Full PDB file with SEQRES, HELIX, SHEET, SSBOND, CRYST1, ORIGX, SCALE, CONECT and MASTER records, all heavy atoms in Angstrom:
SEQRES   1 A   35  THR ILE SER ARG ASP ASN ALA LYS ASN THR VAL TYR LEU          
SEQRES   2 A   35  ARG MET ASN SER LEU LYS PRO GLU ASP THR ALA VAL TYR          
SEQRES   3 A   35  TYR CYS HIS ALA ARG ILE THR GLY LEU                          
HELIX    1 AA1 ASN A    6  LYS A    8  5                                   3    
HELIX    2 AA2 PRO A   20  ASP A   22  5                                   3    
SHEET    1 AA1 2 ILE A   2  ASP A   5  0                                        
SHEET    2 AA1 2 THR A  10  LEU A  13 -1                                        
CRYST1    1.000    1.000    1.000  90.00  90.00  90.00 P 1           1          
ORIGX1      1.000000  0.000000  0.000000        0.00000                         
ORIGX2      0.000000  1.000000  0.000000        0.00000                         
ORIGX3      0.000000  0.000000  1.000000        0.00000                         
SCALE1      1.000000  0.000000  0.000000        0.00000                         
SCALE2      0.000000  1.000000  0.000000        0.00000                         
SCALE3      0.000000  0.000000  1.000000        0.00000                         
ATOM      1  N   THR A   1      20.089  51.380  54.089  1.00  0.00           N  
ATOM      2  CA  THR A   1      20.733  51.716  52.830  1.00  0.00           C  
ATOM      3  C   THR A   1      19.846  52.678  52.048  1.00  0.00           C  
ATOM      4  O   THR A   1      18.681  52.377  51.794  1.00  0.00           O  
ATOM      5  CB  THR A   1      21.004  50.465  51.981  1.00  0.00           C  
ATOM      6  OG1 THR A   1      21.819  49.545  52.709  1.00  0.00           O  
ATOM      7  CG2 THR A   1      21.726  50.850  50.694  1.00  0.00           C  
ATOM      8  N   ILE A   2      20.404  53.819  51.688  1.00  0.00           N  
ATOM      9  CA  ILE A   2      19.687  54.770  50.863  1.00  0.00           C  
ATOM     10  C   ILE A   2      20.155  54.616  49.422  1.00  0.00           C  
ATOM     11  O   ILE A   2      21.335  54.408  49.160  1.00  0.00           O  
ATOM     12  CB  ILE A   2      19.877  56.219  51.365  1.00  0.00           C  
ATOM     13  CG1 ILE A   2      18.939  57.176  50.623  1.00  0.00           C  
ATOM     14  CG2 ILE A   2      21.327  56.665  51.246  1.00  0.00           C  
ATOM     15  CD1 ILE A   2      18.883  58.571  51.235  1.00  0.00           C  
ATOM     16  N   SER A   3      19.227  54.703  48.498  1.00  0.00           N  
ATOM     17  CA  SER A   3      19.546  54.574  47.087  1.00  0.00           C  
ATOM     18  C   SER A   3      18.603  55.446  46.278  1.00  0.00           C  
ATOM     19  O   SER A   3      17.612  55.960  46.796  1.00  0.00           O  
ATOM     20  CB  SER A   3      19.465  53.115  46.626  1.00  0.00           C  
ATOM     21  OG  SER A   3      18.157  52.601  46.800  1.00  0.00           O  
ATOM     22  N   ARG A   4      18.916  55.608  45.004  1.00  0.00           N  
ATOM     23  CA  ARG A   4      18.087  56.443  44.157  1.00  0.00           C  
ATOM     24  C   ARG A   4      17.952  55.829  42.777  1.00  0.00           C  
ATOM     25  O   ARG A   4      18.834  55.112  42.300  1.00  0.00           O  
ATOM     26  CB  ARG A   4      18.675  57.852  44.055  1.00  0.00           C  
ATOM     27  CG  ARG A   4      20.002  57.923  43.293  1.00  0.00           C  
ATOM     28  CD  ARG A   4      20.766  59.195  43.579  1.00  0.00           C  
ATOM     29  NE  ARG A   4      19.968  60.392  43.357  1.00  0.00           N  
ATOM     30  CZ  ARG A   4      20.332  61.612  43.714  1.00  0.00           C  
ATOM     31  NH1 ARG A   4      21.496  61.804  44.332  1.00  0.00           N  
ATOM     32  NH2 ARG A   4      19.540  62.641  43.480  1.00  0.00           N  
ATOM     33  N   ASP A   5      16.842  56.128  42.144  1.00  0.00           N  
ATOM     34  CA  ASP A   5      16.588  55.759  40.770  1.00  0.00           C  
ATOM     35  C   ASP A   5      16.280  57.056  40.040  1.00  0.00           C  
ATOM     36  O   ASP A   5      15.161  57.565  40.114  1.00  0.00           O  
ATOM     37  CB  ASP A   5      15.430  54.770  40.661  1.00  0.00           C  
ATOM     38  CG  ASP A   5      15.210  54.269  39.251  1.00  0.00           C  
ATOM     39  OD1 ASP A   5      15.633  54.933  38.288  1.00  0.00           O  
ATOM     40  OD2 ASP A   5      14.603  53.193  39.100  1.00  0.00           O  
ATOM     41  N   ASN A   6      17.270  57.597  39.361  1.00  0.00           N  
ATOM     42  CA  ASN A   6      17.101  58.895  38.720  1.00  0.00           C  
ATOM     43  C   ASN A   6      16.057  58.863  37.607  1.00  0.00           C  
ATOM     44  O   ASN A   6      15.376  59.859  37.361  1.00  0.00           O  
ATOM     45  CB  ASN A   6      18.440  59.385  38.167  1.00  0.00           C  
ATOM     46  CG  ASN A   6      19.415  59.776  39.257  1.00  0.00           C  
ATOM     47  OD1 ASN A   6      19.014  60.260  40.316  1.00  0.00           O  
ATOM     48  ND2 ASN A   6      20.701  59.591  39.005  1.00  0.00           N  
ATOM     49  N   ALA A   7      15.940  57.734  36.925  1.00  0.00           N  
ATOM     50  CA  ALA A   7      14.955  57.621  35.860  1.00  0.00           C  
ATOM     51  C   ALA A   7      13.538  57.759  36.392  1.00  0.00           C  
ATOM     52  O   ALA A   7      12.648  58.255  35.695  1.00  0.00           O  
ATOM     53  CB  ALA A   7      15.120  56.300  35.117  1.00  0.00           C  
ATOM     54  N   LYS A   8      13.320  57.308  37.614  1.00  0.00           N  
ATOM     55  CA  LYS A   8      12.002  57.390  38.232  1.00  0.00           C  
ATOM     56  C   LYS A   8      11.885  58.537  39.226  1.00  0.00           C  
ATOM     57  O   LYS A   8      10.833  58.698  39.852  1.00  0.00           O  
ATOM     58  CB  LYS A   8      11.664  56.076  38.934  1.00  0.00           C  
ATOM     59  CG  LYS A   8      11.561  54.879  38.000  1.00  0.00           C  
ATOM     60  CD  LYS A   8      11.195  53.616  38.764  1.00  0.00           C  
ATOM     61  CE  LYS A   8      11.047  52.431  37.838  1.00  0.00           C  
ATOM     62  NZ  LYS A   8      10.678  51.190  38.572  1.00  0.00           N  
ATOM     63  N   ASN A   9      12.945  59.321  39.372  1.00  0.00           N  
ATOM     64  CA  ASN A   9      12.968  60.419  40.340  1.00  0.00           C  
ATOM     65  C   ASN A   9      12.552  59.945  41.725  1.00  0.00           C  
ATOM     66  O   ASN A   9      11.750  60.589  42.408  1.00  0.00           O  
ATOM     67  CB  ASN A   9      12.063  61.565  39.880  1.00  0.00           C  
ATOM     68  CG  ASN A   9      12.535  62.212  38.599  1.00  0.00           C  
ATOM     69  OD1 ASN A   9      13.735  62.322  38.357  1.00  0.00           O  
ATOM     70  ND2 ASN A   9      11.596  62.663  37.780  1.00  0.00           N  
ATOM     71  N   THR A  10      13.106  58.836  42.124  1.00  0.00           N  
ATOM     72  CA  THR A  10      12.702  58.191  43.362  1.00  0.00           C  
ATOM     73  C   THR A  10      13.911  57.870  44.224  1.00  0.00           C  
ATOM     74  O   THR A  10      14.950  57.445  43.715  1.00  0.00           O  
ATOM     75  CB  THR A  10      11.920  56.903  43.068  1.00  0.00           C  
ATOM     76  OG1 THR A  10      10.763  57.220  42.282  1.00  0.00           O  
ATOM     77  CG2 THR A  10      11.468  56.233  44.356  1.00  0.00           C  
ATOM     78  N   VAL A  11      13.751  58.083  45.512  1.00  0.00           N  
ATOM     79  CA  VAL A  11      14.764  57.703  46.481  1.00  0.00           C  
ATOM     80  C   VAL A  11      14.166  56.652  47.405  1.00  0.00           C  
ATOM     81  O   VAL A  11      12.977  56.705  47.739  1.00  0.00           O  
ATOM     82  CB  VAL A  11      15.288  58.925  47.272  1.00  0.00           C  
ATOM     83  CG1 VAL A  11      14.177  59.571  48.094  1.00  0.00           C  
ATOM     84  CG2 VAL A  11      16.464  58.529  48.160  1.00  0.00           C  
ATOM     85  N   TYR A  12      14.986  55.693  47.805  1.00  0.00           N  
ATOM     86  CA  TYR A  12      14.545  54.590  48.635  1.00  0.00           C  
ATOM     87  C   TYR A  12      15.353  54.543  49.926  1.00  0.00           C  
ATOM     88  O   TYR A  12      16.501  54.970  49.974  1.00  0.00           O  
ATOM     89  CB  TYR A  12      14.706  53.253  47.911  1.00  0.00           C  
ATOM     90  CG  TYR A  12      14.011  53.175  46.579  1.00  0.00           C  
ATOM     91  CD1 TYR A  12      14.689  53.465  45.400  1.00  0.00           C  
ATOM     92  CD2 TYR A  12      12.673  52.801  46.494  1.00  0.00           C  
ATOM     93  CE1 TYR A  12      14.054  53.387  44.175  1.00  0.00           C  
ATOM     94  CE2 TYR A  12      12.035  52.718  45.277  1.00  0.00           C  
ATOM     95  CZ  TYR A  12      12.729  53.013  44.114  1.00  0.00           C  
ATOM     96  OH  TYR A  12      12.092  52.926  42.901  1.00  0.00           O  
ATOM     97  N   LEU A  13      14.741  53.997  50.937  1.00  0.00           N  
ATOM     98  CA  LEU A  13      15.439  53.703  52.179  1.00  0.00           C  
ATOM     99  C   LEU A  13      15.116  52.270  52.566  1.00  0.00           C  
ATOM    100  O   LEU A  13      13.994  51.970  52.966  1.00  0.00           O  
ATOM    101  CB  LEU A  13      15.038  54.660  53.303  1.00  0.00           C  
ATOM    102  CG  LEU A  13      15.802  54.469  54.616  1.00  0.00           C  
ATOM    103  CD1 LEU A  13      17.275  54.854  54.437  1.00  0.00           C  
ATOM    104  CD2 LEU A  13      15.177  55.285  55.742  1.00  0.00           C  
ATOM    105  N   ARG A  14      16.101  51.391  52.411  1.00  0.00           N  
ATOM    106  CA  ARG A  14      15.958  50.007  52.818  1.00  0.00           C  
ATOM    107  C   ARG A  14      16.419  49.885  54.262  1.00  0.00           C  
ATOM    108  O   ARG A  14      17.560  50.207  54.576  1.00  0.00           O  
ATOM    109  CB  ARG A  14      16.781  49.091  51.915  1.00  0.00           C  
ATOM    110  CG  ARG A  14      16.749  47.618  52.306  1.00  0.00           C  
ATOM    111  CD  ARG A  14      15.363  47.024  52.092  1.00  0.00           C  
ATOM    112  NE  ARG A  14      15.330  45.611  52.425  1.00  0.00           N  
ATOM    113  CZ  ARG A  14      14.258  44.841  52.339  1.00  0.00           C  
ATOM    114  NH1 ARG A  14      13.114  45.349  51.905  1.00  0.00           N  
ATOM    115  NH2 ARG A  14      14.322  43.564  52.679  1.00  0.00           N  
ATOM    116  N   MET A  15      15.537  49.423  55.114  1.00  0.00           N  
ATOM    117  CA  MET A  15      15.810  49.321  56.531  1.00  0.00           C  
ATOM    118  C   MET A  15      15.808  47.854  56.931  1.00  0.00           C  
ATOM    119  O   MET A  15      14.791  47.172  56.825  1.00  0.00           O  
ATOM    120  CB  MET A  15      14.767  50.095  57.343  1.00  0.00           C  
ATOM    121  CG  MET A  15      14.662  51.566  56.949  1.00  0.00           C  
ATOM    122  SD  MET A  15      13.469  52.489  57.954  1.00  0.00           S  
ATOM    123  CE  MET A  15      11.936  51.729  57.384  1.00  0.00           C  
ATOM    124  N   ASN A  16      16.954  47.379  57.373  1.00  0.00           N  
ATOM    125  CA  ASN A  16      17.110  46.006  57.829  1.00  0.00           C  
ATOM    126  C   ASN A  16      17.392  45.983  59.327  1.00  0.00           C  
ATOM    127  O   ASN A  16      17.790  46.979  59.922  1.00  0.00           O  
ATOM    128  CB  ASN A  16      18.252  45.313  57.083  1.00  0.00           C  
ATOM    129  CG  ASN A  16      17.987  45.118  55.618  1.00  0.00           C  
ATOM    130  OD1 ASN A  16      16.846  44.915  55.199  1.00  0.00           O  
ATOM    131  ND2 ASN A  16      19.045  45.158  54.816  1.00  0.00           N  
ATOM    132  N   SER A  17      17.207  44.818  59.919  1.00  0.00           N  
ATOM    133  CA  SER A  17      17.487  44.618  61.339  1.00  0.00           C  
ATOM    134  C   SER A  17      16.853  45.712  62.190  1.00  0.00           C  
ATOM    135  O   SER A  17      17.492  46.314  63.053  1.00  0.00           O  
ATOM    136  CB  SER A  17      19.000  44.557  61.583  1.00  0.00           C  
ATOM    137  OG  SER A  17      19.596  43.522  60.835  1.00  0.00           O  
ATOM    138  N   LEU A  18      15.593  45.966  61.951  1.00  0.00           N  
ATOM    139  CA  LEU A  18      14.908  47.060  62.623  1.00  0.00           C  
ATOM    140  C   LEU A  18      14.804  46.821  64.124  1.00  0.00           C  
ATOM    141  O   LEU A  18      14.631  45.687  64.580  1.00  0.00           O  
ATOM    142  CB  LEU A  18      13.523  47.266  62.021  1.00  0.00           C  
ATOM    143  CG  LEU A  18      13.519  48.008  60.680  1.00  0.00           C  
ATOM    144  CD1 LEU A  18      12.204  47.789  59.948  1.00  0.00           C  
ATOM    145  CD2 LEU A  18      13.773  49.496  60.905  1.00  0.00           C  
ATOM    146  N   LYS A  19      14.911  47.909  64.864  1.00  0.00           N  
ATOM    147  CA  LYS A  19      14.832  47.902  66.312  1.00  0.00           C  
ATOM    148  C   LYS A  19      13.655  48.755  66.768  1.00  0.00           C  
ATOM    149  O   LYS A  19      13.236  49.662  66.054  1.00  0.00           O  
ATOM    150  CB  LYS A  19      16.123  48.458  66.924  1.00  0.00           C  
ATOM    151  CG  LYS A  19      17.401  47.788  66.453  1.00  0.00           C  
ATOM    152  CD  LYS A  19      18.622  48.504  67.013  1.00  0.00           C  
ATOM    153  CE  LYS A  19      19.901  47.852  66.548  1.00  0.00           C  
ATOM    154  NZ  LYS A  19      21.103  48.560  67.073  1.00  0.00           N  
ATOM    155  N   PRO A  20      13.126  48.496  67.964  1.00  0.00           N  
ATOM    156  CA  PRO A  20      12.057  49.360  68.470  1.00  0.00           C  
ATOM    157  C   PRO A  20      12.451  50.833  68.519  1.00  0.00           C  
ATOM    158  O   PRO A  20      11.586  51.702  68.353  1.00  0.00           O  
ATOM    159  CB  PRO A  20      11.804  48.807  69.881  1.00  0.00           C  
ATOM    160  CG  PRO A  20      12.182  47.367  69.782  1.00  0.00           C  
ATOM    161  CD  PRO A  20      13.358  47.338  68.841  1.00  0.00           C  
ATOM    162  N   GLU A  21      13.731  51.115  68.713  1.00  0.00           N  
ATOM    163  CA  GLU A  21      14.208  52.494  68.740  1.00  0.00           C  
ATOM    164  C   GLU A  21      14.076  53.194  67.393  1.00  0.00           C  
ATOM    165  O   GLU A  21      14.201  54.419  67.320  1.00  0.00           O  
ATOM    166  CB  GLU A  21      15.676  52.546  69.192  1.00  0.00           C  
ATOM    167  CG  GLU A  21      15.939  51.884  70.536  1.00  0.00           C  
ATOM    168  CD  GLU A  21      16.327  50.431  70.401  1.00  0.00           C  
ATOM    169  OE1 GLU A  21      15.409  49.579  70.334  1.00  0.00           O  
ATOM    170  OE2 GLU A  21      17.543  50.144  70.365  1.00  0.00           O  
ATOM    171  N   ASP A  22      13.856  52.431  66.331  1.00  0.00           N  
ATOM    172  CA  ASP A  22      13.660  53.016  65.013  1.00  0.00           C  
ATOM    173  C   ASP A  22      12.242  53.530  64.809  1.00  0.00           C  
ATOM    174  O   ASP A  22      11.958  54.156  63.782  1.00  0.00           O  
ATOM    175  CB  ASP A  22      13.985  51.997  63.916  1.00  0.00           C  
ATOM    176  CG  ASP A  22      15.443  51.577  63.924  1.00  0.00           C  
ATOM    177  OD1 ASP A  22      16.323  52.442  64.089  1.00  0.00           O  
ATOM    178  OD2 ASP A  22      15.703  50.360  63.759  1.00  0.00           O  
ATOM    179  N   THR A  23      11.359  53.262  65.738  1.00  0.00           N  
ATOM    180  CA  THR A  23       9.973  53.706  65.630  1.00  0.00           C  
ATOM    181  C   THR A  23       9.908  55.227  65.577  1.00  0.00           C  
ATOM    182  O   THR A  23      10.416  55.917  66.462  1.00  0.00           O  
ATOM    183  CB  THR A  23       9.146  53.182  66.804  1.00  0.00           C  
ATOM    184  OG1 THR A  23       9.099  51.758  66.759  1.00  0.00           O  
ATOM    185  CG2 THR A  23       7.725  53.732  66.749  1.00  0.00           C  
ATOM    186  N   ALA A  24       9.290  55.748  64.527  1.00  0.00           N  
ATOM    187  CA  ALA A  24       9.205  57.188  64.324  1.00  0.00           C  
ATOM    188  C   ALA A  24       8.384  57.463  63.079  1.00  0.00           C  
ATOM    189  O   ALA A  24       8.044  56.547  62.324  1.00  0.00           O  
ATOM    190  CB  ALA A  24      10.605  57.803  64.170  1.00  0.00           C  
ATOM    191  N   VAL A  25       8.074  58.732  62.875  1.00  0.00           N  
ATOM    192  CA  VAL A  25       7.542  59.179  61.597  1.00  0.00           C  
ATOM    193  C   VAL A  25       8.724  59.543  60.720  1.00  0.00           C  
ATOM    194  O   VAL A  25       9.576  60.349  61.112  1.00  0.00           O  
ATOM    195  CB  VAL A  25       6.591  60.376  61.745  1.00  0.00           C  
ATOM    196  CG1 VAL A  25       6.111  60.850  60.378  1.00  0.00           C  
ATOM    197  CG2 VAL A  25       5.405  60.009  62.622  1.00  0.00           C  
ATOM    198  N   TYR A  26       8.788  58.955  59.555  1.00  0.00           N  
ATOM    199  CA  TYR A  26       9.887  59.185  58.630  1.00  0.00           C  
ATOM    200  C   TYR A  26       9.454  60.146  57.534  1.00  0.00           C  
ATOM    201  O   TYR A  26       8.402  59.967  56.914  1.00  0.00           O  
ATOM    202  CB  TYR A  26      10.355  57.864  58.016  1.00  0.00           C  
ATOM    203  CG  TYR A  26      11.167  57.021  58.968  1.00  0.00           C  
ATOM    204  CD1 TYR A  26      10.573  56.418  60.074  1.00  0.00           C  
ATOM    205  CD2 TYR A  26      12.539  56.837  58.776  1.00  0.00           C  
ATOM    206  CE1 TYR A  26      11.322  55.663  60.960  1.00  0.00           C  
ATOM    207  CE2 TYR A  26      13.287  56.080  59.656  1.00  0.00           C  
ATOM    208  CZ  TYR A  26      12.678  55.496  60.749  1.00  0.00           C  
ATOM    209  OH  TYR A  26      13.433  54.745  61.618  1.00  0.00           O  
ATOM    210  N   TYR A  27      10.282  61.166  57.295  1.00  0.00           N  
ATOM    211  CA  TYR A  27       9.983  62.207  56.327  1.00  0.00           C  
ATOM    212  C   TYR A  27      11.012  62.229  55.210  1.00  0.00           C  
ATOM    213  O   TYR A  27      12.217  62.256  55.465  1.00  0.00           O  
ATOM    214  CB  TYR A  27       9.973  63.584  56.994  1.00  0.00           C  
ATOM    215  CG  TYR A  27       8.912  63.760  58.054  1.00  0.00           C  
ATOM    216  CD1 TYR A  27       9.189  63.495  59.387  1.00  0.00           C  
ATOM    217  CD2 TYR A  27       7.638  64.205  57.716  1.00  0.00           C  
ATOM    218  CE1 TYR A  27       8.228  63.662  60.365  1.00  0.00           C  
ATOM    219  CE2 TYR A  27       6.671  64.375  58.685  1.00  0.00           C  
ATOM    220  CZ  TYR A  27       6.973  64.101  60.009  1.00  0.00           C  
ATOM    221  OH  TYR A  27       6.016  64.273  60.972  1.00  0.00           O  
ATOM    222  N   CYS A  28      10.535  62.245  53.992  1.00  0.00           N  
ATOM    223  CA  CYS A  28      11.406  62.448  52.848  1.00  0.00           C  
ATOM    224  C   CYS A  28      11.743  63.928  52.730  1.00  0.00           C  
ATOM    225  O   CYS A  28      10.906  64.792  52.999  1.00  0.00           O  
ATOM    226  CB  CYS A  28      10.724  61.950  51.570  1.00  0.00           C  
ATOM    227  SG  CYS A  28      11.731  62.075  50.081  1.00  0.00           S  
ATOM    228  N   HIS A  29      12.961  64.215  52.322  1.00  0.00           N  
ATOM    229  CA  HIS A  29      13.429  65.591  52.219  1.00  0.00           C  
ATOM    230  C   HIS A  29      14.232  65.783  50.939  1.00  0.00           C  
ATOM    231  O   HIS A  29      14.982  64.892  50.526  1.00  0.00           O  
ATOM    232  CB  HIS A  29      14.299  65.946  53.433  1.00  0.00           C  
ATOM    233  CG  HIS A  29      15.042  67.239  53.285  1.00  0.00           C  
ATOM    234  ND1 HIS A  29      16.396  67.283  52.994  1.00  0.00           N  
ATOM    235  CD2 HIS A  29      14.626  68.528  53.382  1.00  0.00           C  
ATOM    236  CE1 HIS A  29      16.783  68.541  52.932  1.00  0.00           C  
ATOM    237  NE2 HIS A  29      15.731  69.316  53.163  1.00  0.00           N  
ATOM    238  N   ALA A  30      14.062  66.945  50.325  1.00  0.00           N  
ATOM    239  CA  ALA A  30      14.852  67.314  49.156  1.00  0.00           C  
ATOM    240  C   ALA A  30      15.325  68.742  49.302  1.00  0.00           C  
ATOM    241  O   ALA A  30      14.581  69.606  49.782  1.00  0.00           O  
ATOM    242  CB  ALA A  30      14.041  67.151  47.875  1.00  0.00           C  
ATOM    243  N   ARG A  31      16.550  68.985  48.901  1.00  0.00           N  
ATOM    244  CA  ARG A  31      17.119  70.324  48.954  1.00  0.00           C  
ATOM    245  C   ARG A  31      17.630  70.721  47.583  1.00  0.00           C  
ATOM    246  O   ARG A  31      18.369  69.974  46.934  1.00  0.00           O  
ATOM    247  CB  ARG A  31      18.246  70.402  49.982  1.00  0.00           C  
ATOM    248  CG  ARG A  31      19.049  71.699  49.926  1.00  0.00           C  
ATOM    249  CD  ARG A  31      19.881  71.909  51.164  1.00  0.00           C  
ATOM    250  NE  ARG A  31      19.039  72.280  52.298  1.00  0.00           N  
ATOM    251  CZ  ARG A  31      19.499  72.571  53.513  1.00  0.00           C  
ATOM    252  NH1 ARG A  31      20.796  72.507  53.759  1.00  0.00           N  
ATOM    253  NH2 ARG A  31      18.657  72.905  54.488  1.00  0.00           N  
ATOM    254  N   ILE A  32      17.239  71.919  47.163  1.00  0.00           N  
ATOM    255  CA  ILE A  32      17.698  72.497  45.905  1.00  0.00           C  
ATOM    256  C   ILE A  32      18.431  73.790  46.238  1.00  0.00           C  
ATOM    257  O   ILE A  32      17.892  74.660  46.928  1.00  0.00           O  
ATOM    258  CB  ILE A  32      16.535  72.776  44.937  1.00  0.00           C  
ATOM    259  CG1 ILE A  32      15.788  71.486  44.610  1.00  0.00           C  
ATOM    260  CG2 ILE A  32      17.043  73.440  43.664  1.00  0.00           C  
ATOM    261  CD1 ILE A  32      14.559  71.687  43.748  1.00  0.00           C  
ATOM    262  N   THR A  33      19.653  73.888  45.765  1.00  0.00           N  
ATOM    263  CA  THR A  33      20.448  75.082  46.024  1.00  0.00           C  
ATOM    264  C   THR A  33      20.699  75.833  44.726  1.00  0.00           C  
ATOM    265  O   THR A  33      20.817  75.260  43.651  1.00  0.00           O  
ATOM    266  CB  THR A  33      21.787  74.741  46.679  1.00  0.00           C  
ATOM    267  OG1 THR A  33      22.524  73.842  45.844  1.00  0.00           O  
ATOM    268  CG2 THR A  33      21.558  74.094  48.034  1.00  0.00           C  
ATOM    269  N   GLY A  34      20.806  77.133  44.845  1.00  0.00           N  
ATOM    270  CA  GLY A  34      21.074  78.017  43.731  1.00  0.00           C  
ATOM    271  C   GLY A  34      21.237  79.411  44.276  1.00  0.00           C  
ATOM    272  O   GLY A  34      21.977  79.625  45.239  1.00  0.00           O  
ATOM    273  N   LEU A  35      20.537  80.380  43.658  1.00  0.00           N  
ATOM    274  CA  LEU A  35      20.518  81.713  44.240  1.00  0.00           C  
ATOM    275  C   LEU A  35      19.924  81.675  45.646  1.00  0.00           C  
ATOM    276  O   LEU A  35      20.375  82.384  46.547  1.00  0.00           O  
ATOM    277  CB  LEU A  35      19.721  82.669  43.343  1.00  0.00           C  
ATOM    278  CG  LEU A  35      19.652  84.125  43.801  1.00  0.00           C  
ATOM    279  CD1 LEU A  35      21.038  84.741  43.864  1.00  0.00           C  
ATOM    280  CD2 LEU A  35      18.753  84.925  42.876  1.00  0.00           C  
TER     281      LEU A  35                                                      
MASTER        0    0    0    2    2    0    0    6  280    1    0    3          
END                                                                             
């Protein structure tokens, strides 16, 4: 489950029922669009 707290400018990823296949390096990403 991904969620956000705009007041804290924070995004969370709650991971339940984890499997060995979930093993990885996890990277946070942000995209800003405009010109």
